[in-house]
Amino acid sequence: MPTQEERLSTVEQSVVVLRKGMADIHHNETILLGVMEEQGKDIREMKVSLAALNERVGTFEQGVQDRFEALDGRLGTFEHGVRERFQALEGHLGTFEQSVNTRFGEQDKKLDDVGRLLLQVLDRLPPS
């Protein structure tokens, strides 16, 4: 069994080791607190930057949406104008087609009349 002096010496050595361990723990804790404080600052800065970025993206998005709405309005007007012009062209083409058909009909009638007259003339000719 160890003597009281040996036991006391062991306790003193243990206290020295424990003090060194406590000093190391305190040192590391101080470092970690400093790192956490810096990270907290970084996080706050990131939140501010993110809020500014969100605002800019929102403004940009609204601008893009406004421009698309303006384009939609202009394209709608353009489309309406093109549609009206095509309808007018269809009307003109329909009138032109009707006029051509009427003239061809008249020409067909004249050709039919000429054909009948030729047949009548040929019928009257003596056989050769």
C-alpha atoms as a PDB file:
ATOM      1  CA  MET A   1       0.000   0.000   0.000  1.00  0.00           C
ATOM      2  CA  PRO A   2       1.411   3.411  -0.965  1.00  0.00           C
ATOM      3  CA  THR A   3       2.431   5.761   1.741  1.00  0.00           C
ATOM      4  CA  GLN A   4       0.726   8.997   2.404  1.00  0.00           C
ATOM      5  CA  GLU A   5       3.567  10.925   0.794  1.00  0.00           C
ATOM      6  CA  GLU A   6       3.325   8.813  -2.349  1.00  0.00           C
ATOM      7  CA  ARG A   7      -0.389   9.329  -2.448  1.00  0.00           C
ATOM      8  CA  LEU A   8       0.016  13.078  -1.939  1.00  0.00           C
ATOM      9  CA  SER A   9       2.655  13.208  -4.670  1.00  0.00           C
ATOM     10  CA  THR A  10       0.297  11.376  -7.034  1.00  0.00           C
ATOM     11  CA  VAL A  11      -2.524  13.822  -6.207  1.00  0.00           C
ATOM     12  CA  GLU A  12      -0.170  16.790  -6.789  1.00  0.00           C
ATOM     13  CA  GLN A  13       0.897  15.381 -10.153  1.00  0.00           C
ATOM     14  CA  SER A  14      -2.746  14.774 -11.073  1.00  0.00           C
ATOM     15  CA  VAL A  15      -3.611  18.372 -10.115  1.00  0.00           C
ATOM     16  CA  VAL A  16      -0.780  19.671 -12.347  1.00  0.00           C
ATOM     17  CA  VAL A  17      -2.025  17.551 -15.257  1.00  0.00           C
ATOM     18  CA  LEU A  18      -5.628  18.632 -14.624  1.00  0.00           C
ATOM     19  CA  ARG A  19      -4.598  22.316 -14.465  1.00  0.00           C
ATOM     20  CA  LYS A  20      -2.801  21.986 -17.792  1.00  0.00           C
ATOM     21  CA  GLY A  21      -5.865  20.264 -19.263  1.00  0.00           C
ATOM     22  CA  MET A  22      -8.133  23.014 -17.873  1.00  0.00           C
ATOM     23  CA  ALA A  23      -5.827  25.688 -19.343  1.00  0.00           C
ATOM     24  CA  ASP A  24      -5.954  23.927 -22.732  1.00  0.00           C
ATOM     25  CA  ILE A  25      -9.737  23.688 -22.517  1.00  0.00           C
ATOM     26  CA  HIS A  26      -9.984  27.370 -21.580  1.00  0.00           C
ATOM     27  CA  HIS A  27      -7.651  28.320 -24.454  1.00  0.00           C
ATOM     28  CA  ASN A  28      -9.653  26.256 -26.976  1.00  0.00           C
ATOM     29  CA  GLU A  29     -12.924  27.636 -25.613  1.00  0.00           C
ATOM     30  CA  THR A  30     -11.626  31.180 -26.126  1.00  0.00           C
ATOM     31  CA  ILE A  31     -10.653  30.339 -29.713  1.00  0.00           C
ATOM     32  CA  LEU A  32     -14.068  28.780 -30.387  1.00  0.00           C
ATOM     33  CA  LEU A  33     -15.874  31.795 -28.931  1.00  0.00           C
ATOM     34  CA  GLY A  34     -13.827  34.072 -31.221  1.00  0.00           C
ATOM     35  CA  VAL A  35     -14.621  31.899 -34.245  1.00  0.00           C
ATOM     36  CA  MET A  36     -18.332  31.845 -33.341  1.00  0.00           C
ATOM     37  CA  GLU A  37     -18.358  35.630 -32.958  1.00  0.00           C
ATOM     38  CA  GLU A  38     -16.777  36.068 -36.403  1.00  0.00           C
ATOM     39  CA  GLN A  39     -19.198  33.583 -37.915  1.00  0.00           C
ATOM     40  CA  GLY A  40     -22.072  35.488 -36.321  1.00  0.00           C
ATOM     41  CA  LYS A  41     -20.820  38.681 -37.984  1.00  0.00           C
ATOM     42  CA  ASP A  42     -20.492  36.854 -41.296  1.00  0.00           C
ATOM     43  CA  ILE A  43     -24.018  35.470 -40.986  1.00  0.00           C
ATOM     44  CA  ARG A  44     -25.409  38.946 -40.240  1.00  0.00           C
ATOM     45  CA  GLU A  45     -23.570  40.345 -43.291  1.00  0.00           C
ATOM     46  CA  MET A  46     -24.905  37.496 -45.434  1.00  0.00           C
ATOM     47  CA  LYS A  47     -28.461  38.195 -44.256  1.00  0.00           C
ATOM     48  CA  VAL A  48     -28.106  41.875 -45.171  1.00  0.00           C
ATOM     49  CA  SER A  49     -26.620  40.952 -48.575  1.00  0.00           C
ATOM     50  CA  LEU A  50     -29.343  38.385 -49.172  1.00  0.00           C
ATOM     51  CA  ALA A  51     -32.059  40.923 -48.349  1.00  0.00           C
ATOM     52  CA  ALA A  52     -30.495  43.430 -50.784  1.00  0.00           C
ATOM     53  CA  LEU A  53     -30.206  40.718 -53.434  1.00  0.00           C
ATOM     54  CA  ASN A  54     -33.846  39.686 -52.911  1.00  0.00           C
ATOM     55  CA  GLU A  55     -34.895  43.294 -53.361  1.00  0.00           C
ATOM     56  CA  ARG A  56     -32.864  43.648 -56.567  1.00  0.00           C
ATOM     57  CA  VAL A  57     -34.201  40.362 -57.953  1.00  0.00           C
ATOM     58  CA  GLY A  58     -37.748  41.445 -57.122  1.00  0.00           C
ATOM     59  CA  THR A  59     -37.227  44.764 -58.901  1.00  0.00           C
ATOM     60  CA  PHE A  60     -35.683  42.990 -61.893  1.00  0.00           C
ATOM     61  CA  GLU A  61     -38.527  40.474 -62.008  1.00  0.00           C
ATOM     62  CA  GLN A  62     -41.110  43.274 -61.900  1.00  0.00           C
ATOM     63  CA  GLY A  63     -39.283  45.088 -64.704  1.00  0.00           C
ATOM     64  CA  VAL A  64     -39.225  41.958 -66.853  1.00  0.00           C
ATOM     65  CA  GLN A  65     -42.904  41.330 -66.168  1.00  0.00           C
ATOM     66  CA  ASP A  66     -43.782  44.939 -67.076  1.00  0.00           C
ATOM     67  CA  ARG A  67     -41.849  44.657 -70.326  1.00  0.00           C
ATOM     68  CA  PHE A  68     -43.546  41.395 -71.250  1.00  0.00           C
ATOM     69  CA  GLU A  69     -46.938  42.946 -70.558  1.00  0.00           C
ATOM     70  CA  ALA A  70     -46.019  45.905 -72.780  1.00  0.00           C
ATOM     71  CA  LEU A  71     -44.856  43.502 -75.502  1.00  0.00           C
ATOM     72  CA  ASP A  72     -48.068  41.495 -75.166  1.00  0.00           C
ATOM     73  CA  GLY A  73     -50.061  44.695 -75.653  1.00  0.00           C
ATOM     74  CA  ARG A  74     -48.042  45.736 -78.686  1.00  0.00           C
ATOM     75  CA  LEU A  75     -48.163  42.263 -80.195  1.00  0.00           C
ATOM     76  CA  GLY A  76     -51.911  42.124 -79.594  1.00  0.00           C
ATOM     77  CA  THR A  77     -52.350  45.396 -81.468  1.00  0.00           C
ATOM     78  CA  PHE A  78     -50.047  44.173 -84.244  1.00  0.00           C
ATOM     79  CA  GLU A  79     -51.889  40.856 -84.467  1.00  0.00           C
ATOM     80  CA  HIS A  80     -55.223  42.654 -84.652  1.00  0.00           C
ATOM     81  CA  GLY A  81     -53.918  44.903 -87.460  1.00  0.00           C
ATOM     82  CA  VAL A  82     -52.526  41.935 -89.388  1.00  0.00           C
ATOM     83  CA  ARG A  83     -55.798  40.053 -88.967  1.00  0.00           C
ATOM     84  CA  GLU A  84     -57.776  43.039 -90.289  1.00  0.00           C
ATOM     85  CA  ARG A  85     -55.449  43.377 -93.279  1.00  0.00           C
ATOM     86  CA  PHE A  86     -55.717  39.682 -94.104  1.00  0.00           C
ATOM     87  CA  GLN A  87     -59.480  39.903 -93.895  1.00  0.00           C
ATOM     88  CA  ALA A  88     -59.420  42.897 -96.240  1.00  0.00           C
ATOM     89  CA  LEU A  89     -57.118  40.975 -98.605  1.00  0.00           C
ATOM     90  CA  GLU A  90     -59.432  37.966 -98.483  1.00  0.00           C
ATOM     91  CA  GLY A  91     -62.313  40.272 -99.372  1.00  0.00           C
ATOM     92  CA  HIS A  92     -60.381  41.758-102.292  1.00  0.00           C
ATOM     93  CA  LEU A  93     -59.290  38.316-103.465  1.00  0.00           C
ATOM     94  CA  GLY A  94     -62.856  37.063-103.202  1.00  0.00           C
ATOM     95  CA  THR A  95     -64.075  39.985-105.289  1.00  0.00           C
ATOM     96  CA  PHE A  96     -61.243  39.441-107.789  1.00  0.00           C
ATOM     97  CA  GLU A  97     -61.984  35.711-107.963  1.00  0.00           C
ATOM     98  CA  GLN A  98     -65.663  36.427-108.529  1.00  0.00           C
ATOM     99  CA  SER A  99     -64.792  38.923-111.269  1.00  0.00           C
ATOM    100  CA  VAL A 100     -62.440  36.444-112.957  1.00  0.00           C
ATOM    101  CA  ASN A 101     -65.043  33.678-112.718  1.00  0.00           C
ATOM    102  CA  THR A 102     -67.668  35.988-114.228  1.00  0.00           C
ATOM    103  CA  ARG A 103     -65.357  36.919-117.104  1.00  0.00           C
ATOM    104  CA  PHE A 104     -64.399  33.291-117.706  1.00  0.00           C
ATOM    105  CA  GLY A 105     -68.083  32.401-117.612  1.00  0.00           C
ATOM    106  CA  GLU A 106     -68.768  35.045-120.236  1.00  0.00           C
ATOM    107  CA  GLN A 107     -65.866  33.786-122.333  1.00  0.00           C
ATOM    108  CA  ASP A 108     -67.114  30.202-121.984  1.00  0.00           C
ATOM    109  CA  LYS A 109     -70.554  31.329-123.136  1.00  0.00           C
ATOM    110  CA  LYS A 110     -69.051  33.118-126.154  1.00  0.00           C
ATOM    111  CA  LEU A 111     -66.937  30.051-127.001  1.00  0.00           C
ATOM    112  CA  ASP A 112     -69.999  27.857-126.671  1.00  0.00           C
ATOM    113  CA  ASP A 113     -71.866  30.235-129.023  1.00  0.00           C
ATOM    114  CA  VAL A 114     -68.957  30.164-131.494  1.00  0.00           C
ATOM    115  CA  GLY A 115     -68.875  26.372-131.262  1.00  0.00           C
ATOM    116  CA  ARG A 116     -72.607  26.132-131.991  1.00  0.00           C
ATOM    117  CA  LEU A 117     -72.268  28.497-134.900  1.00  0.00           C
ATOM    118  CA  LEU A 118     -69.418  26.428-136.307  1.00  0.00           C
ATOM    119  CA  LEU A 119     -71.454  23.265-135.947  1.00  0.00           C
ATOM    120  CA  GLN A 120     -74.372  24.923-137.727  1.00  0.00           C
ATOM    121  CA  VAL A 121     -72.081  26.067-140.522  1.00  0.00           C
ATOM    122  CA  LEU A 122     -70.538  22.601-140.786  1.00  0.00           C
ATOM    123  CA  ASP A 123     -73.955  20.989-140.863  1.00  0.00           C
ATOM    124  CA  ARG A 124     -74.990  23.203-143.798  1.00  0.00           C
ATOM    125  CA  LEU A 125     -71.947  22.379-145.879  1.00  0.00           C
ATOM    126  CA  PRO A 126     -72.492  19.763-148.527  1.00  0.00           C
ATOM    127  CA  PRO A 127     -70.738  16.503-147.931  1.00  0.00           C
ATOM    128  CA  SER A 128     -67.559  16.209-149.894  1.00  0.00           C
END
